[in-house]
Amino acid sequence: MSDKSLRQGRLEGKVALITGAASGIGKATALLFSLEGARIAVADIDGTRSRQVADEICSSGGSAVAYGLDVTNEQDWQCVVSDLLKKWTQLDILVNNAGISFAKPVTEMTLEEWRKVTAVNLDAVFLGTRMACNTMTAGGAIVNVASASGIKASPGASAYCASKAAIRMFSKAVALECAAAGKNIRINTVSPGAVMTPMWESMEFWQQMKGEAGADQAYRALSEGVPLKRMAIADEVARAILYLASDESSYVTGADLVVERVYRSIAEGSGR
């Protein structure tokens, strides 16, 4: 994503804050947005890796700043956005991408585990969206990353599925609120199917499949249930996010863009 010859300037002059941007879909989105002309606030709970991504953007001629952000902490959000406005005076795009995957039968799940999943996957989207709606006085775009698992349930992933389904409906409701209030703020969601990211690769069920059948066979087993017969890569989801963040989707709000679907239950333990 660093080849400037590919740049089309679809986000020229805009400032984008991206959470969970140290790896996977978030990092791919940060690099792509920079290529399209945006100044990037790279936010992640891992501040060291955030700085590495910001340095990569700057070394490629882009403009980026790094933040260590606990997306479940309201004060962290206030500090990050306040500093960002001091630096660049505006916020045009927010991508709520940070999330965690979790799988455990409900009969074995603790309340603490449930609350952790909903805090990172859902409370954080509320905090970020509310902050952006109060900050984007000149309008803007918010893209909340949900999951195909928020559309089609998966056994053993009730907390994850519930949190991702809630993101979709929350986003639709707030999109209507912004429209009714006359705010020029569009809010949409992206629901990825199976995406080969570090989060996916760290999942227990994937590690178990690789251990039992080998990586190649495990990948083929997962891909059998996908219409395109392969898992997505992070860049493909980033391009969907770019569309919803750019003026190309200026008449789109309250929508959910599904990026592939996962059908077989074996591949539904995580949506992304």
Protein backbone atom coordinates (compact mmCIF):
# COMPACT_ATOMS: atom_id res chain seq x y z
CA MET A 1 0.00 0.00 0.00
CA SER A 2 3.02 2.32 -0.12
CA ASP A 3 3.19 2.84 -3.90
CA LYS A 4 2.32 6.50 -4.42
CA SER A 5 1.60 5.83 -8.08
CA LEU A 6 -1.59 4.12 -6.87
CA ARG A 7 -2.77 7.18 -4.96
CA GLN A 8 -6.09 8.66 -6.04
CA GLY A 9 -6.51 11.25 -3.27
CA ARG A 10 -9.95 10.08 -2.16
CA LEU A 11 -9.26 11.28 1.41
CA GLU A 12 -7.12 14.31 0.59
CA GLY A 13 -7.13 16.86 3.40
CA LYS A 14 -9.02 14.64 5.85
CA VAL A 15 -8.00 13.49 9.33
CA ALA A 16 -8.79 9.91 10.31
CA LEU A 17 -8.65 8.23 13.70
CA ILE A 18 -8.40 4.44 13.48
CA THR A 19 -8.56 2.16 16.51
CA GLY A 20 -6.96 -1.25 16.67
CA ALA A 21 -4.57 0.11 14.06
CA ALA A 22 -1.41 -1.67 15.14
CA SER A 23 -2.14 -4.81 13.13
CA GLY A 24 -4.59 -6.64 10.89
CA ILE A 25 -7.52 -4.74 9.39
CA GLY A 26 -6.72 -1.59 11.36
CA LYS A 27 -3.16 -1.38 10.10
CA ALA A 28 -4.20 -2.11 6.51
CA THR A 29 -6.82 0.64 6.77
CA ALA A 30 -4.32 3.14 8.18
CA LEU A 31 -1.84 2.48 5.36
CA LEU A 32 -4.54 2.68 2.69
CA PHE A 33 -6.06 5.88 4.10
CA SER A 34 -2.62 7.48 4.16
CA LEU A 35 -2.07 6.48 0.56
CA GLU A 36 -5.35 8.24 -0.26
CA GLY A 37 -4.15 11.50 1.34
CA ALA A 38 -5.49 11.38 4.90
CA ARG A 39 -3.55 12.30 8.00
CA ILE A 40 -3.74 9.31 10.32
CA ALA A 41 -4.12 8.96 14.06
CA VAL A 42 -2.93 5.40 14.68
CA ALA A 43 -4.55 4.25 17.93
CA ASP A 44 -4.11 0.93 19.69
CA ILE A 45 -3.78 -0.36 23.22
CA ASP A 46 -0.27 -1.39 22.16
CA GLY A 47 1.37 2.02 21.96
CA THR A 48 4.71 0.66 20.79
CA ARG A 49 3.21 -1.03 17.75
CA SER A 50 1.08 2.06 17.09
CA ARG A 51 4.28 4.08 16.81
CA GLN A 52 5.75 1.51 14.45
CA VAL A 53 2.76 1.85 12.10
CA ALA A 54 2.88 5.65 12.35
CA ASP A 55 6.60 5.58 11.56
CA GLU A 56 5.93 3.36 8.54
CA ILE A 57 3.38 5.86 7.24
CA CYS A 58 5.69 8.82 7.80
CA SER A 59 8.65 7.07 6.17
CA SER A 60 6.46 6.59 3.08
CA GLY A 61 5.76 10.32 2.89
CA GLY A 62 2.49 10.33 4.79
CA SER A 63 1.47 12.11 7.98
CA ALA A 64 0.66 10.13 11.10
CA VAL A 65 0.68 10.30 14.88
CA ALA A 66 0.51 7.37 17.29
CA TYR A 67 -1.61 6.96 20.41
CA GLY A 68 -1.82 4.31 23.06
CA LEU A 69 -5.58 4.01 23.51
CA ASP A 70 -7.61 1.76 25.78
CA VAL A 71 -10.87 1.95 23.84
CA THR A 72 -12.87 0.95 26.93
CA ASN A 73 -11.60 3.96 28.89
CA GLU A 74 -13.64 7.15 28.49
CA GLN A 75 -10.80 9.38 29.73
CA ASP A 76 -8.41 7.85 27.19
CA TRP A 77 -10.81 8.80 24.40
CA GLN A 78 -11.05 12.36 25.69
CA CYS A 79 -7.27 12.72 25.90
CA VAL A 80 -6.63 11.29 22.43
CA VAL A 81 -9.27 13.37 20.66
CA SER A 82 -8.25 16.53 22.55
CA ASP A 83 -4.61 16.07 21.54
CA LEU A 84 -5.61 15.25 17.97
CA LEU A 85 -7.65 18.44 17.67
CA LYS A 86 -4.75 20.48 19.02
CA LYS A 87 -2.48 18.96 16.41
CA TRP A 88 -4.72 18.98 13.34
CA THR A 89 -7.81 21.01 14.45
CA GLN A 90 -10.28 18.57 12.88
CA LEU A 91 -11.58 15.02 12.87
CA ASP A 92 -13.25 13.87 9.67
CA ILE A 93 -13.22 10.07 9.90
CA LEU A 94 -13.43 7.60 12.75
CA VAL A 95 -12.93 3.88 12.21
CA ASN A 96 -13.92 1.86 15.28
CA ASN A 97 -11.98 -1.28 14.45
CA ALA A 98 -10.57 -2.42 17.80
CA GLY A 99 -12.02 -5.69 18.97
CA ILE A 100 -11.33 -9.04 20.55
CA SER A 101 -12.43 -12.53 19.64
CA PHE A 102 -13.67 -14.98 22.23
CA ALA A 103 -15.24 -18.43 22.13
CA LYS A 104 -16.61 -20.41 25.06
CA PRO A 105 -19.94 -22.14 25.71
CA VAL A 106 -22.31 -19.93 27.67
CA THR A 107 -22.53 -22.55 30.43
CA GLU A 108 -18.80 -22.16 31.04
CA MET A 109 -18.52 -18.41 30.54
CA THR A 110 -17.98 -16.10 33.49
CA LEU A 111 -19.65 -12.72 33.85
CA GLU A 112 -16.19 -11.17 33.81
CA GLU A 113 -15.44 -12.78 30.43
CA TRP A 114 -18.79 -11.65 29.02
CA ARG A 115 -18.21 -8.08 30.19
CA LYS A 116 -14.70 -7.99 28.77
CA VAL A 117 -15.93 -8.94 25.30
CA THR A 118 -18.80 -6.46 25.35
CA ALA A 119 -16.56 -3.73 26.78
CA VAL A 120 -13.97 -3.97 24.00
CA ASN A 121 -16.30 -4.81 21.13
CA LEU A 122 -19.35 -2.71 21.98
CA ASP A 123 -18.76 -0.18 24.77
CA ALA A 124 -15.74 1.11 22.86
CA VAL A 125 -17.84 1.68 19.75
CA PHE A 126 -20.32 3.66 21.85
CA LEU A 127 -17.55 5.79 23.38
CA GLY A 128 -15.86 6.46 20.05
CA THR A 129 -19.07 7.15 18.16
CA ARG A 130 -20.36 9.51 20.83
CA MET A 131 -17.04 11.36 20.91
CA ALA A 132 -16.98 11.70 17.13
CA CYS A 133 -20.59 12.88 16.95
CA ASN A 134 -19.76 15.65 19.42
CA THR A 135 -16.52 16.52 17.62
CA MET A 136 -17.38 16.42 13.91
CA THR A 137 -19.14 19.79 13.87
CA ALA A 138 -18.48 20.18 10.14
CA GLY A 139 -19.62 16.64 9.36
CA GLY A 140 -17.76 13.42 8.85
CA ALA A 141 -17.92 9.66 8.47
CA ILE A 142 -17.87 6.93 11.09
CA VAL A 143 -17.23 3.32 10.12
CA ASN A 144 -17.79 0.70 12.79
CA VAL A 145 -16.30 -2.73 12.14
CA ALA A 146 -18.81 -5.45 13.01
CA SER A 147 -18.67 -9.02 11.72
CA ALA A 148 -20.51 -11.62 9.69
CA SER A 149 -20.82 -13.38 13.03
CA GLY A 150 -23.18 -10.59 14.02
CA ILE A 151 -25.52 -11.75 11.22
CA LYS A 152 -25.22 -15.53 11.40
CA ALA A 153 -24.74 -17.01 14.85
CA SER A 154 -22.02 -19.47 15.77
CA PRO A 155 -22.22 -22.03 18.57
CA GLY A 156 -19.71 -21.32 21.30
CA ALA A 157 -19.34 -17.65 20.34
CA SER A 158 -22.40 -16.10 21.96
CA ALA A 159 -20.58 -13.12 23.50
CA TYR A 160 -18.74 -12.31 20.29
CA CYS A 161 -21.83 -12.72 18.10
CA ALA A 162 -23.97 -10.64 20.44
CA SER A 163 -21.45 -7.80 20.60
CA LYS A 164 -21.04 -7.67 16.82
CA ALA A 165 -24.78 -7.83 16.17
CA ALA A 166 -25.26 -4.96 18.61
CA ILE A 167 -22.71 -2.84 16.72
CA ARG A 168 -24.79 -3.13 13.56
CA MET A 169 -28.06 -2.03 15.19
CA PHE A 170 -26.40 0.66 17.32
CA SER A 171 -24.83 2.16 14.21
CA LYS A 172 -28.13 2.19 12.32
CA ALA A 173 -29.90 3.91 15.22
CA VAL A 174 -27.26 6.60 15.64
CA ALA A 175 -27.14 7.16 11.87
CA LEU A 176 -30.86 7.99 12.05
CA GLU A 177 -30.26 10.27 15.03
CA CYS A 178 -27.60 12.22 13.15
CA ALA A 179 -29.80 12.52 10.07
CA ALA A 180 -32.79 13.70 12.13
CA ALA A 181 -30.61 16.28 13.88
CA GLY A 182 -29.36 17.62 10.55
CA LYS A 183 -25.78 16.59 11.27
CA ASN A 184 -23.73 15.77 8.21
CA ILE A 185 -22.31 12.67 9.88
CA ARG A 186 -22.69 9.33 8.13
CA ILE A 187 -22.44 6.15 10.18
CA ASN A 188 -22.07 2.74 8.55
CA THR A 189 -20.73 -0.69 9.41
CA VAL A 190 -18.53 -3.22 7.69
CA SER A 191 -19.14 -6.88 8.50
CA PRO A 192 -16.17 -9.01 7.41
CA GLY A 193 -16.33 -12.74 7.10
CA ALA A 194 -13.22 -14.84 7.60
CA VAL A 195 -10.11 -12.66 7.37
CA MET A 196 -6.59 -13.96 7.83
CA THR A 197 -5.30 -11.58 10.51
CA PRO A 198 -3.07 -12.02 13.57
CA MET A 199 -6.23 -12.13 15.74
CA TRP A 200 -7.67 -14.97 13.66
CA GLU A 201 -4.39 -16.89 13.67
CA SER A 202 -4.17 -16.67 17.46
CA MET A 203 -7.59 -18.22 18.00
CA GLU A 204 -7.70 -21.50 19.88
CA PHE A 205 -9.90 -23.29 17.34
CA TRP A 206 -7.55 -22.34 14.48
CA GLN A 207 -4.52 -23.51 16.42
CA GLN A 208 -6.31 -26.77 17.15
CA MET A 209 -7.23 -27.26 13.49
CA LYS A 210 -3.65 -26.63 12.39
CA GLY A 211 -2.36 -29.05 14.99
CA GLU A 212 -4.73 -31.80 13.91
CA ALA A 213 -4.67 -31.42 10.12
CA GLY A 214 -1.80 -29.09 9.26
CA ALA A 215 -2.07 -25.45 8.16
CA ASP A 216 -2.81 -26.13 4.48
CA GLN A 217 -5.57 -28.64 5.17
CA ALA A 218 -7.08 -26.46 7.89
CA TYR A 219 -7.15 -23.49 5.53
CA ARG A 220 -8.82 -25.56 2.80
CA ALA A 221 -11.44 -26.80 5.29
CA LEU A 222 -12.32 -23.25 6.27
CA SER A 223 -12.36 -22.03 2.69
CA GLU A 224 -14.81 -24.73 1.56
CA GLY A 225 -17.65 -22.90 3.28
CA VAL A 226 -16.83 -19.53 1.68
CA PRO A 227 -18.40 -18.65 -1.69
CA LEU A 228 -15.07 -17.39 -3.09
CA LYS A 229 -13.30 -20.47 -1.68
CA ARG A 230 -10.68 -18.52 0.24
CA MET A 231 -10.32 -16.31 3.26
CA ALA A 232 -10.01 -12.57 2.83
CA ILE A 233 -6.90 -10.56 3.49
CA ALA A 234 -6.93 -7.37 5.54
CA ASP A 235 -6.41 -5.10 2.51
CA GLU A 236 -9.71 -6.27 1.02
CA VAL A 237 -11.63 -5.22 4.10
CA ALA A 238 -9.70 -1.94 4.23
CA ARG A 239 -10.93 -1.08 0.73
CA ALA A 240 -14.54 -1.58 1.88
CA ILE A 241 -13.89 0.72 4.83
CA LEU A 242 -12.33 3.28 2.48
CA TYR A 243 -15.49 3.38 0.38
CA LEU A 244 -17.68 4.12 3.40
CA ALA A 245 -15.23 6.71 4.75
CA SER A 246 -14.85 8.57 1.46
CA ASP A 247 -17.14 10.96 -0.38
CA GLU A 248 -17.85 8.15 -2.84
CA SER A 249 -20.47 6.97 -0.34
CA SER A 250 -21.86 10.46 0.37
CA TYR A 251 -25.47 9.20 0.19
CA VAL A 252 -24.90 6.07 2.27
CA THR A 253 -25.71 6.03 5.99
CA GLY A 254 -27.04 3.37 8.33
CA ALA A 255 -25.83 0.67 5.94
CA ASP A 256 -23.96 -2.55 6.60
CA LEU A 257 -21.45 -3.65 3.99
CA VAL A 258 -20.88 -7.40 4.26
CA VAL A 259 -17.44 -8.39 3.00
CA GLU A 260 -17.94 -12.06 2.12
CA ARG A 261 -19.92 -14.43 4.29
CA VAL A 262 -18.93 -17.53 6.18
CA TYR A 263 -21.45 -20.37 6.07
CA ARG A 264 -20.01 -23.51 7.60
CA SER A 265 -20.14 -23.61 11.38
CA ILE A 266 -16.51 -24.71 11.59
CA ALA A 267 -15.50 -21.34 10.16
CA GLU A 268 -17.89 -19.22 12.15
CA GLY A 269 -16.10 -19.05 15.46
CA SER A 270 -14.79 -15.59 14.59
CA GLY A 271 -15.96 -13.16 12.00
CA ARG A 272 -12.64 -11.51 11.31
